Amino acid sequence: MCRWIAYSGTPVLLSQVLFEPEHSLIDQSLHSRMGVETTNGDGFGIGWYPRDMAEPAVLRDVGPAWNDRNLQEVAHHTRSGLFFGHIRASTGTAVQQSNCHPFRSGRWLWMHNGVISDFRRLRRDLALAVDPALYARIEGSTDSEVMFFLALTFGLTDDPPGAVARMAGLVETTAEAHGVPHPLQMTVAVTDGESVWAFRYSSEGRSRSLFVSTRVDALRALHPDVSFLRGLSDETRLVVSEPLGDLPGAWNEVPESSYGVVRPGGGELRPFRPEYAEGPRG
């Protein structure tokens, strides 16, 4: 599958998060410990919000992240307080730039680790549910991008948790109509440049790994000798597919079937369940 990281907080050089930690995202592209695949070399992408600009910048390419010189150049010279990083392991769709995450629409960024099972059988029905005004903006062939545009169709810009719940519900009801069991596996991050929403859910209740960092003030108390923590605000958070290192107390697993919000002033964690057009199930 894939690995990803979302950072929100004190502006830092992207390289400090993407390259420097012991088990950084770049290290995970070669040596993932918790992913389905050890190597994630089917492309990469970063998306960040430049200072005083509402819309994010995006860099994506099809090569492996571990030896891309353009990624190194950008990461070592770009500072941001909110950015996404993603390394891809294809689940069957083509290795091409338009299939690399994060995906962008206006000020919104979206990235995903997981799969819609038997997506080839479900793709037509799911794609036809996308708002016609949005459909032409789908550039690639992945389930992840279709999920994004379905969430946009269902009101992502006004109600991210509700839109993602309605997207998940449509995937499951469509799969049921086609006889596809346990269709959805997802850890998703989405942001509007101010808040970050992260979702962990799977139809069978066995989701891919997802972690959120501990409050920085608590980490400083635990590890006063770690210099990197001194310059970060208490509100700085990272949400990651797998921990960036083994610092005790630094990482907390996001519970199964839940979503979290990271935003200035605090965050929250709530249960997540799909919403179905005919009403709740179970």
C-alpha atoms as a PDB file:
ATOM      1  CA  MET A   1       0.000   0.000   0.000  1.00  0.00           C
ATOM      2  CA  CYS A   2       1.434   3.423   0.922  1.00  0.00           C
ATOM      3  CA  ARG A   3       2.892   5.485   3.766  1.00  0.00           C
ATOM      4  CA  TRP A   4       2.080   9.101   4.557  1.00  0.00           C
ATOM      5  CA  ILE A   5       2.682  11.940   7.002  1.00  0.00           C
ATOM      6  CA  ALA A   6       0.730  15.096   7.828  1.00  0.00           C
ATOM      7  CA  TYR A   7       2.434  17.929   9.736  1.00  0.00           C
ATOM      8  CA  SER A   8       0.686  20.883  11.376  1.00  0.00           C
ATOM      9  CA  GLY A   9       2.334  23.430  13.658  1.00  0.00           C
ATOM     10  CA  THR A  10       5.392  25.626  13.850  1.00  0.00           C
ATOM     11  CA  PRO A  11       6.820  26.286  10.365  1.00  0.00           C
ATOM     12  CA  VAL A  12       9.844  24.075   9.758  1.00  0.00           C
ATOM     13  CA  LEU A  13      11.941  23.015   6.808  1.00  0.00           C
ATOM     14  CA  LEU A  14      10.199  20.069   5.146  1.00  0.00           C
ATOM     15  CA  SER A  15      13.480  18.147   5.292  1.00  0.00           C
ATOM     16  CA  GLN A  16      13.430  18.224   9.117  1.00  0.00           C
ATOM     17  CA  VAL A  17      10.373  15.964   9.066  1.00  0.00           C
ATOM     18  CA  LEU A  18      10.683  14.122   5.750  1.00  0.00           C
ATOM     19  CA  PHE A  19      14.402  13.246   5.874  1.00  0.00           C
ATOM     20  CA  GLU A  20      15.963  13.741   9.306  1.00  0.00           C
ATOM     21  CA  PRO A  21      14.071  11.475  11.767  1.00  0.00           C
ATOM     22  CA  GLU A  22      15.473   8.012  12.480  1.00  0.00           C
ATOM     23  CA  HIS A  23      12.580   6.314  10.654  1.00  0.00           C
ATOM     24  CA  SER A  24      11.606   9.185   8.378  1.00  0.00           C
ATOM     25  CA  LEU A  25       9.142   8.930   5.532  1.00  0.00           C
ATOM     26  CA  ILE A  26      12.085   8.608   3.149  1.00  0.00           C
ATOM     27  CA  ASP A  27      13.466   5.717   5.211  1.00  0.00           C
ATOM     28  CA  GLN A  28       9.999   4.146   5.156  1.00  0.00           C
ATOM     29  CA  SER A  29      10.041   4.236   1.360  1.00  0.00           C
ATOM     30  CA  LEU A  30      12.741   1.557   1.590  1.00  0.00           C
ATOM     31  CA  HIS A  31      12.171  -0.014   5.008  1.00  0.00           C
ATOM     32  CA  SER A  32       8.532   0.207   6.059  1.00  0.00           C
ATOM     33  CA  ARG A  33       7.915  -1.713   9.290  1.00  0.00           C
ATOM     34  CA  MET A  34       4.110  -1.703   9.390  1.00  0.00           C
ATOM     35  CA  GLY A  35       3.015  -1.494   5.775  1.00  0.00           C
ATOM     36  CA  VAL A  36       1.783  -4.298   3.553  1.00  0.00           C
ATOM     37  CA  GLU A  37       4.935  -3.790   1.462  1.00  0.00           C
ATOM     38  CA  THR A  38       8.406  -3.097   2.834  1.00  0.00           C
ATOM     39  CA  THR A  39       9.264  -0.925  -0.173  1.00  0.00           C
ATOM     40  CA  ASN A  40       7.109   1.976  -1.363  1.00  0.00           C
ATOM     41  CA  GLY A  41       8.761   3.007  -4.610  1.00  0.00           C
ATOM     42  CA  ASP A  42       5.896   3.672  -7.050  1.00  0.00           C
ATOM     43  CA  GLY A  43       6.062   7.441  -6.816  1.00  0.00           C
ATOM     44  CA  PHE A  44       5.823  10.126  -4.168  1.00  0.00           C
ATOM     45  CA  GLY A  45       4.296  13.496  -3.523  1.00  0.00           C
ATOM     46  CA  ILE A  46       4.431  16.436  -1.159  1.00  0.00           C
ATOM     47  CA  GLY A  47       1.927  19.236  -0.756  1.00  0.00           C
ATOM     48  CA  TRP A  48       2.534  22.358   1.304  1.00  0.00           C
ATOM     49  CA  TYR A  49       1.014  25.760   1.990  1.00  0.00           C
ATOM     50  CA  PRO A  50       3.389  28.605   1.131  1.00  0.00           C
ATOM     51  CA  ARG A  51       3.255  31.616   3.397  1.00  0.00           C
ATOM     52  CA  ASP A  52       0.410  34.046   2.634  1.00  0.00           C
ATOM     53  CA  MET A  53      -1.036  31.802  -0.083  1.00  0.00           C
ATOM     54  CA  ALA A  54      -4.430  30.108   0.252  1.00  0.00           C
ATOM     55  CA  GLU A  55      -3.802  27.297  -2.230  1.00  0.00           C
ATOM     56  CA  PRO A  56      -1.131  24.648  -1.683  1.00  0.00           C
ATOM     57  CA  ALA A  57       1.834  23.823  -3.866  1.00  0.00           C
ATOM     58  CA  VAL A  58       2.279  20.211  -4.950  1.00  0.00           C
ATOM     59  CA  LEU A  59       5.308  18.234  -6.157  1.00  0.00           C
ATOM     60  CA  ARG A  60       4.682  14.708  -7.438  1.00  0.00           C
ATOM     61  CA  ASP A  61       6.740  12.254  -9.445  1.00  0.00           C
ATOM     62  CA  VAL A  62       6.780   8.580 -10.385  1.00  0.00           C
ATOM     63  CA  GLY A  63      10.276   7.706  -9.200  1.00  0.00           C
ATOM     64  CA  PRO A  64      11.158   6.435  -5.722  1.00  0.00           C
ATOM     65  CA  ALA A  65      11.430   9.104  -3.047  1.00  0.00           C
ATOM     66  CA  TRP A  66      14.770   7.879  -1.690  1.00  0.00           C
ATOM     67  CA  ASN A  67      16.873   9.156  -4.601  1.00  0.00           C
ATOM     68  CA  ASP A  68      14.876  12.029  -6.093  1.00  0.00           C
ATOM     69  CA  ARG A  69      17.103  15.111  -6.258  1.00  0.00           C
ATOM     70  CA  ASN A  70      14.220  17.514  -6.890  1.00  0.00           C
ATOM     71  CA  LEU A  71      12.491  16.345  -3.699  1.00  0.00           C
ATOM     72  CA  GLN A  72      15.697  16.859  -1.726  1.00  0.00           C
ATOM     73  CA  GLU A  73      16.177  20.320  -3.218  1.00  0.00           C
ATOM     74  CA  VAL A  74      12.646  21.467  -2.440  1.00  0.00           C
ATOM     75  CA  ALA A  75      12.534  19.896   1.040  1.00  0.00           C
ATOM     76  CA  HIS A  76      15.805  21.497   2.130  1.00  0.00           C
ATOM     77  CA  HIS A  77      14.739  24.978   0.976  1.00  0.00           C
ATOM     78  CA  THR A  78      11.021  25.102   1.799  1.00  0.00           C
ATOM     79  CA  ARG A  79       9.531  26.011   5.168  1.00  0.00           C
ATOM     80  CA  SER A  80       5.863  25.440   5.995  1.00  0.00           C
ATOM     81  CA  GLY A  81       3.560  25.065   8.977  1.00  0.00           C
ATOM     82  CA  LEU A  82       1.264  22.586   7.241  1.00  0.00           C
ATOM     83  CA  PHE A  83       2.331  19.966   4.746  1.00  0.00           C
ATOM     84  CA  PHE A  84       1.628  16.437   3.523  1.00  0.00           C
ATOM     85  CA  GLY A  85       4.079  13.783   2.367  1.00  0.00           C
ATOM     86  CA  HIS A  86       3.148  10.511   0.654  1.00  0.00           C
ATOM     87  CA  ILE A  87       5.065   7.549  -0.748  1.00  0.00           C
ATOM     88  CA  ARG A  88       3.173   5.177  -3.011  1.00  0.00           C
ATOM     89  CA  ALA A  89       2.993   1.419  -3.442  1.00  0.00           C
ATOM     90  CA  SER A  90       0.510   0.795  -6.251  1.00  0.00           C
ATOM     91  CA  THR A  91      -2.410  -1.564  -5.674  1.00  0.00           C
ATOM     92  CA  GLY A  92      -2.758  -2.191  -9.404  1.00  0.00           C
ATOM     93  CA  THR A  93      -3.235   1.163 -11.120  1.00  0.00           C
ATOM     94  CA  ALA A  94      -0.538   2.636 -13.330  1.00  0.00           C
ATOM     95  CA  VAL A  95       2.634   4.220 -12.024  1.00  0.00           C
ATOM     96  CA  GLN A  96       2.115   7.707 -13.428  1.00  0.00           C
ATOM     97  CA  GLN A  97       2.317  11.246 -12.074  1.00  0.00           C
ATOM     98  CA  SER A  98      -1.451  11.785 -12.042  1.00  0.00           C
ATOM     99  CA  ASN A  99      -1.824   8.758  -9.745  1.00  0.00           C
ATOM    100  CA  CYS A 100       0.592  10.103  -7.119  1.00  0.00           C
ATOM    101  CA  HIS A 101      -0.714  11.669  -3.915  1.00  0.00           C
ATOM    102  CA  PRO A 102      -1.562  14.157  -2.516  1.00  0.00           C
ATOM    103  CA  PHE A 103      -4.455  15.190  -4.744  1.00  0.00           C
ATOM    104  CA  ARG A 104      -5.438  18.853  -4.860  1.00  0.00           C
ATOM    105  CA  SER A 105      -8.650  20.762  -5.487  1.00  0.00           C
ATOM    106  CA  GLY A 106      -8.541  24.472  -4.783  1.00  0.00           C
ATOM    107  CA  ARG A 107      -7.218  24.906  -1.243  1.00  0.00           C
ATOM    108  CA  TRP A 108      -7.835  21.229  -0.357  1.00  0.00           C
ATOM    109  CA  LEU A 109      -5.310  18.374  -0.219  1.00  0.00           C
ATOM    110  CA  TRP A 110      -6.151  14.661   0.103  1.00  0.00           C
ATOM    111  CA  MET A 111      -4.020  11.537   0.513  1.00  0.00           C
ATOM    112  CA  HIS A 112      -4.878   7.922   1.211  1.00  0.00           C
ATOM    113  CA  ASN A 113      -3.381   4.610   2.241  1.00  0.00           C
ATOM    114  CA  GLY A 114      -5.564   1.607   1.504  1.00  0.00           C
ATOM    115  CA  VAL A 115      -7.708   0.216  -1.273  1.00  0.00           C
ATOM    116  CA  ILE A 116     -11.203  -0.237  -2.648  1.00  0.00           C
ATOM    117  CA  SER A 117     -11.359  -3.974  -3.299  1.00  0.00           C
ATOM    118  CA  ASP A 118     -12.226  -4.983  -6.884  1.00  0.00           C
ATOM    119  CA  PHE A 119     -12.113  -1.324  -7.844  1.00  0.00           C
ATOM    120  CA  ARG A 120     -12.256  -2.185 -11.552  1.00  0.00           C
ATOM    121  CA  ARG A 121     -15.724  -3.668 -11.012  1.00  0.00           C
ATOM    122  CA  LEU A 122     -16.940  -0.707  -8.969  1.00  0.00           C
ATOM    123  CA  ARG A 123     -15.190   2.171 -10.746  1.00  0.00           C
ATOM    124  CA  ARG A 124     -17.923   3.010 -13.249  1.00  0.00           C
ATOM    125  CA  ASP A 125     -20.704   3.228 -10.682  1.00  0.00           C
ATOM    126  CA  LEU A 126     -18.554   5.208  -8.253  1.00  0.00           C
ATOM    127  CA  ALA A 127     -17.278   7.604 -10.908  1.00  0.00           C
ATOM    128  CA  LEU A 128     -20.796   8.289 -12.165  1.00  0.00           C
ATOM    129  CA  ALA A 129     -21.746   9.397  -8.655  1.00  0.00           C
ATOM    130  CA  VAL A 130     -19.206  12.257  -8.842  1.00  0.00           C
ATOM    131  CA  ASP A 131     -20.739  15.674  -9.423  1.00  0.00           C
ATOM    132  CA  PRO A 132     -20.608  16.322 -13.214  1.00  0.00           C
ATOM    133  CA  ALA A 133     -19.076  19.727 -12.491  1.00  0.00           C
ATOM    134  CA  LEU A 134     -16.145  17.950 -10.787  1.00  0.00           C
ATOM    135  CA  TYR A 135     -15.825  14.846 -12.942  1.00  0.00           C
ATOM    136  CA  ALA A 136     -13.639  16.424 -15.642  1.00  0.00           C
ATOM    137  CA  ARG A 137     -11.048  17.333 -13.016  1.00  0.00           C
ATOM    138  CA  ILE A 138     -10.235  13.674 -12.253  1.00  0.00           C
ATOM    139  CA  GLU A 139      -6.815  13.203 -13.859  1.00  0.00           C
ATOM    140  CA  GLY A 140      -5.721   9.701 -12.887  1.00  0.00           C
ATOM    141  CA  SER A 141      -7.060   6.176 -12.525  1.00  0.00           C
ATOM    142  CA  THR A 142      -6.796   5.463  -8.778  1.00  0.00           C
ATOM    143  CA  ASP A 143      -9.494   4.585  -6.288  1.00  0.00           C
ATOM    144  CA  SER A 144      -7.962   7.221  -3.994  1.00  0.00           C
ATOM    145  CA  GLU A 145      -8.692  10.090  -6.372  1.00  0.00           C
ATOM    146  CA  VAL A 146     -12.249   8.894  -6.968  1.00  0.00           C
ATOM    147  CA  MET A 147     -12.730   8.795  -3.198  1.00  0.00           C
ATOM    148  CA  PHE A 148     -11.551  12.409  -3.009  1.00  0.00           C
ATOM    149  CA  PHE A 149     -13.956  13.611  -5.677  1.00  0.00           C
ATOM    150  CA  LEU A 150     -16.814  11.681  -4.130  1.00  0.00           C
ATOM    151  CA  ALA A 151     -16.072  13.399  -0.815  1.00  0.00           C
ATOM    152  CA  LEU A 152     -16.060  16.760  -2.624  1.00  0.00           C
ATOM    153  CA  THR A 153     -19.386  15.817  -4.196  1.00  0.00           C
ATOM    154  CA  PHE A 154     -20.818  15.011  -0.765  1.00  0.00           C
ATOM    155  CA  GLY A 155     -19.840  18.347   0.784  1.00  0.00           C
ATOM    156  CA  LEU A 156     -16.204  18.040   1.861  1.00  0.00           C
ATOM    157  CA  THR A 157     -15.659  21.800   1.860  1.00  0.00           C
ATOM    158  CA  ASP A 158     -18.473  22.358   4.380  1.00  0.00           C
ATOM    159  CA  ASP A 159     -18.462  19.146   6.456  1.00  0.00           C
ATOM    160  CA  PRO A 160     -15.350  16.975   6.047  1.00  0.00           C
ATOM    161  CA  PRO A 161     -16.360  14.201   8.519  1.00  0.00           C
ATOM    162  CA  GLY A 162     -19.864  13.950   7.064  1.00  0.00           C
ATOM    163  CA  ALA A 163     -18.589  13.978   3.475  1.00  0.00           C
ATOM    164  CA  VAL A 164     -16.055  11.212   4.128  1.00  0.00           C
ATOM    165  CA  ALA A 165     -18.732   9.185   5.942  1.00  0.00           C
ATOM    166  CA  ARG A 166     -21.093   9.521   2.968  1.00  0.00           C
ATOM    167  CA  MET A 167     -18.293   8.584   0.566  1.00  0.00           C
ATOM    168  CA  ALA A 168     -17.500   5.465   2.621  1.00  0.00           C
ATOM    169  CA  GLY A 169     -21.177   4.550   2.750  1.00  0.00           C
ATOM    170  CA  LEU A 170     -21.516   4.801  -1.025  1.00  0.00           C
ATOM    171  CA  VAL A 171     -18.445   2.600  -1.561  1.00  0.00           C
ATOM    172  CA  GLU A 172     -19.880  -0.079   0.720  1.00  0.00           C
ATOM    173  CA  THR A 173     -23.393  -0.045  -0.751  1.00  0.00           C
ATOM    174  CA  THR A 174     -21.995  -0.104  -4.297  1.00  0.00           C
ATOM    175  CA  ALA A 175     -19.751  -3.024  -3.389  1.00  0.00           C
ATOM    176  CA  GLU A 176     -22.652  -4.876  -1.804  1.00  0.00           C
ATOM    177  CA  ALA A 177     -24.637  -4.533  -5.042  1.00  0.00           C
ATOM    178  CA  HIS A 178     -21.707  -6.112  -6.919  1.00  0.00           C
ATOM    179  CA  GLY A 179     -21.135  -8.877  -4.380  1.00  0.00           C
ATOM    180  CA  VAL A 180     -17.784  -7.510  -3.177  1.00  0.00           C
ATOM    181  CA  PRO A 181     -17.198  -8.203   0.552  1.00  0.00           C
ATOM    182  CA  HIS A 182     -15.213  -5.907   2.840  1.00  0.00           C
ATOM    183  CA  PRO A 183     -14.576  -3.350   0.094  1.00  0.00           C
ATOM    184  CA  LEU A 184     -13.012  -0.397   1.900  1.00  0.00           C
ATOM    185  CA  GLN A 185      -9.630  -0.058   3.577  1.00  0.00           C
ATOM    186  CA  MET A 186      -8.555   3.485   4.343  1.00  0.00           C
ATOM    187  CA  THR A 187      -6.433   5.811   6.358  1.00  0.00           C
ATOM    188  CA  VAL A 188      -7.116   9.232   4.868  1.00  0.00           C
ATOM    189  CA  ALA A 189      -5.765  12.706   5.568  1.00  0.00           C
ATOM    190  CA  VAL A 190      -7.457  15.817   4.216  1.00  0.00           C
ATOM    191  CA  THR A 191      -6.791  19.504   4.874  1.00  0.00           C
ATOM    192  CA  ASP A 192      -8.011  22.946   3.886  1.00  0.00           C
ATOM    193  CA  GLY A 193      -4.749  24.595   4.931  1.00  0.00           C
ATOM    194  CA  GLU A 194      -5.922  25.321   8.470  1.00  0.00           C
ATOM    195  CA  SER A 195      -7.250  22.062   9.935  1.00  0.00           C
ATOM    196  CA  VAL A 196      -6.213  18.468   9.232  1.00  0.00           C
ATOM    197  CA  TRP A 197      -8.742  15.626   9.420  1.00  0.00           C
ATOM    198  CA  ALA A 198      -7.402  12.067   9.628  1.00  0.00           C
ATOM    199  CA  PHE A 199      -9.615   8.962   9.298  1.00  0.00           C
ATOM    200  CA  ARG A 200      -8.939   5.328  10.138  1.00  0.00           C
ATOM    201  CA  TYR A 201     -11.555   2.842   8.931  1.00  0.00           C
ATOM    202  CA  SER A 202     -11.986  -0.472   7.141  1.00  0.00           C
ATOM    203  CA  SER A 203     -15.097  -2.479   6.267  1.00  0.00           C
ATOM    204  CA  GLU A 204     -13.745  -5.525   8.113  1.00  0.00           C
ATOM    205  CA  GLY A 205     -12.582  -3.584  11.186  1.00  0.00           C
ATOM    206  CA  ARG A 206      -8.870  -4.244  10.593  1.00  0.00           C
ATOM    207  CA  SER A 207      -7.516  -0.937   9.378  1.00  0.00           C
ATOM    208  CA  ARG A 208      -3.974  -0.052   8.378  1.00  0.00           C
ATOM    209  CA  SER A 209      -1.826   1.558  11.071  1.00  0.00           C
ATOM    210  CA  LEU A 210      -2.166   5.247  11.991  1.00  0.00           C
ATOM    211  CA  PHE A 211      -0.551   7.279  14.775  1.00  0.00           C
ATOM    212  CA  VAL A 212      -0.672  10.829  16.126  1.00  0.00           C
ATOM    213  CA  SER A 213       2.108  12.526  18.051  1.00  0.00           C
ATOM    214  CA  THR A 214       1.838  13.461  21.717  1.00  0.00           C
ATOM    215  CA  ARG A 215       1.482  17.125  22.743  1.00  0.00           C
ATOM    216  CA  VAL A 216       4.846  18.832  22.461  1.00  0.00           C
ATOM    217  CA  ASP A 217       4.783  20.230  26.013  1.00  0.00           C
ATOM    218  CA  ALA A 218       4.354  16.695  27.365  1.00  0.00           C
ATOM    219  CA  LEU A 219       7.201  15.456  25.166  1.00  0.00           C
ATOM    220  CA  ARG A 220       9.493  18.240  26.376  1.00  0.00           C
ATOM    221  CA  ALA A 221       8.834  17.174  29.941  1.00  0.00           C
ATOM    222  CA  LEU A 222       9.658  13.575  29.066  1.00  0.00           C
ATOM    223  CA  HIS A 223      12.685  14.398  26.891  1.00  0.00           C
ATOM    224  CA  PRO A 224      14.205  17.777  27.833  1.00  0.00           C
ATOM    225  CA  ASP A 225      17.418  16.894  25.987  1.00  0.00           C
ATOM    226  CA  VAL A 226      15.778  16.584  22.524  1.00  0.00           C
ATOM    227  CA  SER A 227      16.680  19.865  20.842  1.00  0.00           C
ATOM    228  CA  PHE A 228      14.165  19.607  17.988  1.00  0.00           C
ATOM    229  CA  LEU A 229      11.271  19.912  20.461  1.00  0.00           C
ATOM    230  CA  ARG A 230      12.422  23.237  21.879  1.00  0.00           C
ATOM    231  CA  GLY A 231      11.439  25.309  18.882  1.00  0.00           C
ATOM    232  CA  LEU A 232       7.985  23.795  18.359  1.00  0.00           C
ATOM    233  CA  SER A 233       4.685  25.168  19.596  1.00  0.00           C
ATOM    234  CA  ASP A 234       2.652  23.066  22.015  1.00  0.00           C
ATOM    235  CA  GLU A 235       0.021  22.658  19.279  1.00  0.00           C
ATOM    236  CA  THR A 236       2.387  21.082  16.751  1.00  0.00           C
ATOM    237  CA  ARG A 237       1.175  17.630  15.686  1.00  0.00           C
ATOM    238  CA  LEU A 238       2.158  14.897  13.271  1.00  0.00           C
ATOM    239  CA  VAL A 239      -0.189  12.207  11.979  1.00  0.00           C
ATOM    240  CA  VAL A 240       1.699   9.298  10.420  1.00  0.00           C
ATOM    241  CA  SER A 241       1.207   5.838   8.974  1.00  0.00           C
ATOM    242  CA  GLU A 242       3.960   4.608  11.235  1.00  0.00           C
ATOM    243  CA  PRO A 243       6.118   6.275  13.907  1.00  0.00           C
ATOM    244  CA  LEU A 244       9.145   8.275  12.776  1.00  0.00           C
ATOM    245  CA  GLY A 245      11.303   6.900  15.582  1.00  0.00           C
ATOM    246  CA  ASP A 246      11.348   5.097  18.902  1.00  0.00           C
ATOM    247  CA  LEU A 247      11.175   8.096  21.253  1.00  0.00           C
ATOM    248  CA  PRO A 248       9.230   6.776  24.285  1.00  0.00           C
ATOM    249  CA  GLY A 249       5.830   8.390  24.744  1.00  0.00           C
ATOM    250  CA  ALA A 250       5.916  10.182  21.411  1.00  0.00           C
ATOM    251  CA  TRP A 251       3.277   8.247  19.467  1.00  0.00           C
ATOM    252  CA  ASN A 252      -0.329   7.262  20.100  1.00  0.00           C
ATOM    253  CA  GLU A 253      -2.235   4.820  17.915  1.00  0.00           C
ATOM    254  CA  VAL A 254      -5.420   6.248  16.417  1.00  0.00           C
ATOM    255  CA  PRO A 255      -8.262   3.892  17.448  1.00  0.00           C
ATOM    256  CA  GLU A 256     -10.037   1.690  14.931  1.00  0.00           C
ATOM    257  CA  SER A 257     -13.060   3.342  13.247  1.00  0.00           C
ATOM    258  CA  SER A 258     -12.294   6.877  14.363  1.00  0.00           C
ATOM    259  CA  TYR A 259     -11.204  10.247  13.055  1.00  0.00           C
ATOM    260  CA  GLY A 260      -9.211  13.077  14.526  1.00  0.00           C
ATOM    261  CA  VAL A 261      -8.987  16.795  13.848  1.00  0.00           C
ATOM    262  CA  VAL A 262      -5.794  18.810  14.307  1.00  0.00           C
ATOM    263  CA  ARG A 263      -6.254  22.582  14.265  1.00  0.00           C
ATOM    264  CA  PRO A 264      -4.936  25.745  15.922  1.00  0.00           C
ATOM    265  CA  GLY A 265      -6.282  25.871  19.462  1.00  0.00           C
ATOM    266  CA  GLY A 266      -6.470  22.114  19.947  1.00  0.00           C
ATOM    267  CA  GLY A 267      -7.789  18.906  18.465  1.00  0.00           C
ATOM    268  CA  GLU A 268     -10.341  16.191  18.999  1.00  0.00           C
ATOM    269  CA  LEU A 269     -10.884  12.485  18.414  1.00  0.00           C
ATOM    270  CA  ARG A 270     -14.294  11.029  17.550  1.00  0.00           C
ATOM    271  CA  PRO A 271     -15.796   7.715  16.374  1.00  0.00           C
ATOM    272  CA  PHE A 272     -16.224   7.249  12.630  1.00  0.00           C
ATOM    273  CA  ARG A 273     -18.809   5.201  10.781  1.00  0.00           C
ATOM    274  CA  PRO A 274     -20.057   5.360   7.184  1.00  0.00           C
ATOM    275  CA  GLU A 275     -23.352   7.069   6.363  1.00  0.00           C
ATOM    276  CA  TYR A 276     -25.692   5.263   3.971  1.00  0.00           C
ATOM    277  CA  ALA A 277     -28.282   6.854   1.713  1.00  0.00           C
ATOM    278  CA  GLU A 278     -31.025   4.632   3.155  1.00  0.00           C
ATOM    279  CA  GLY A 279     -29.979   5.352   6.767  1.00  0.00           C
ATOM    280  CA  PRO A 280     -27.588   3.830   9.328  1.00  0.00           C
ATOM    281  CA  ARG A 281     -26.775   0.119   9.367  1.00  0.00           C
ATOM    282  CA  GLY A 282     -25.959  -2.134  12.258  1.00  0.00           C
END
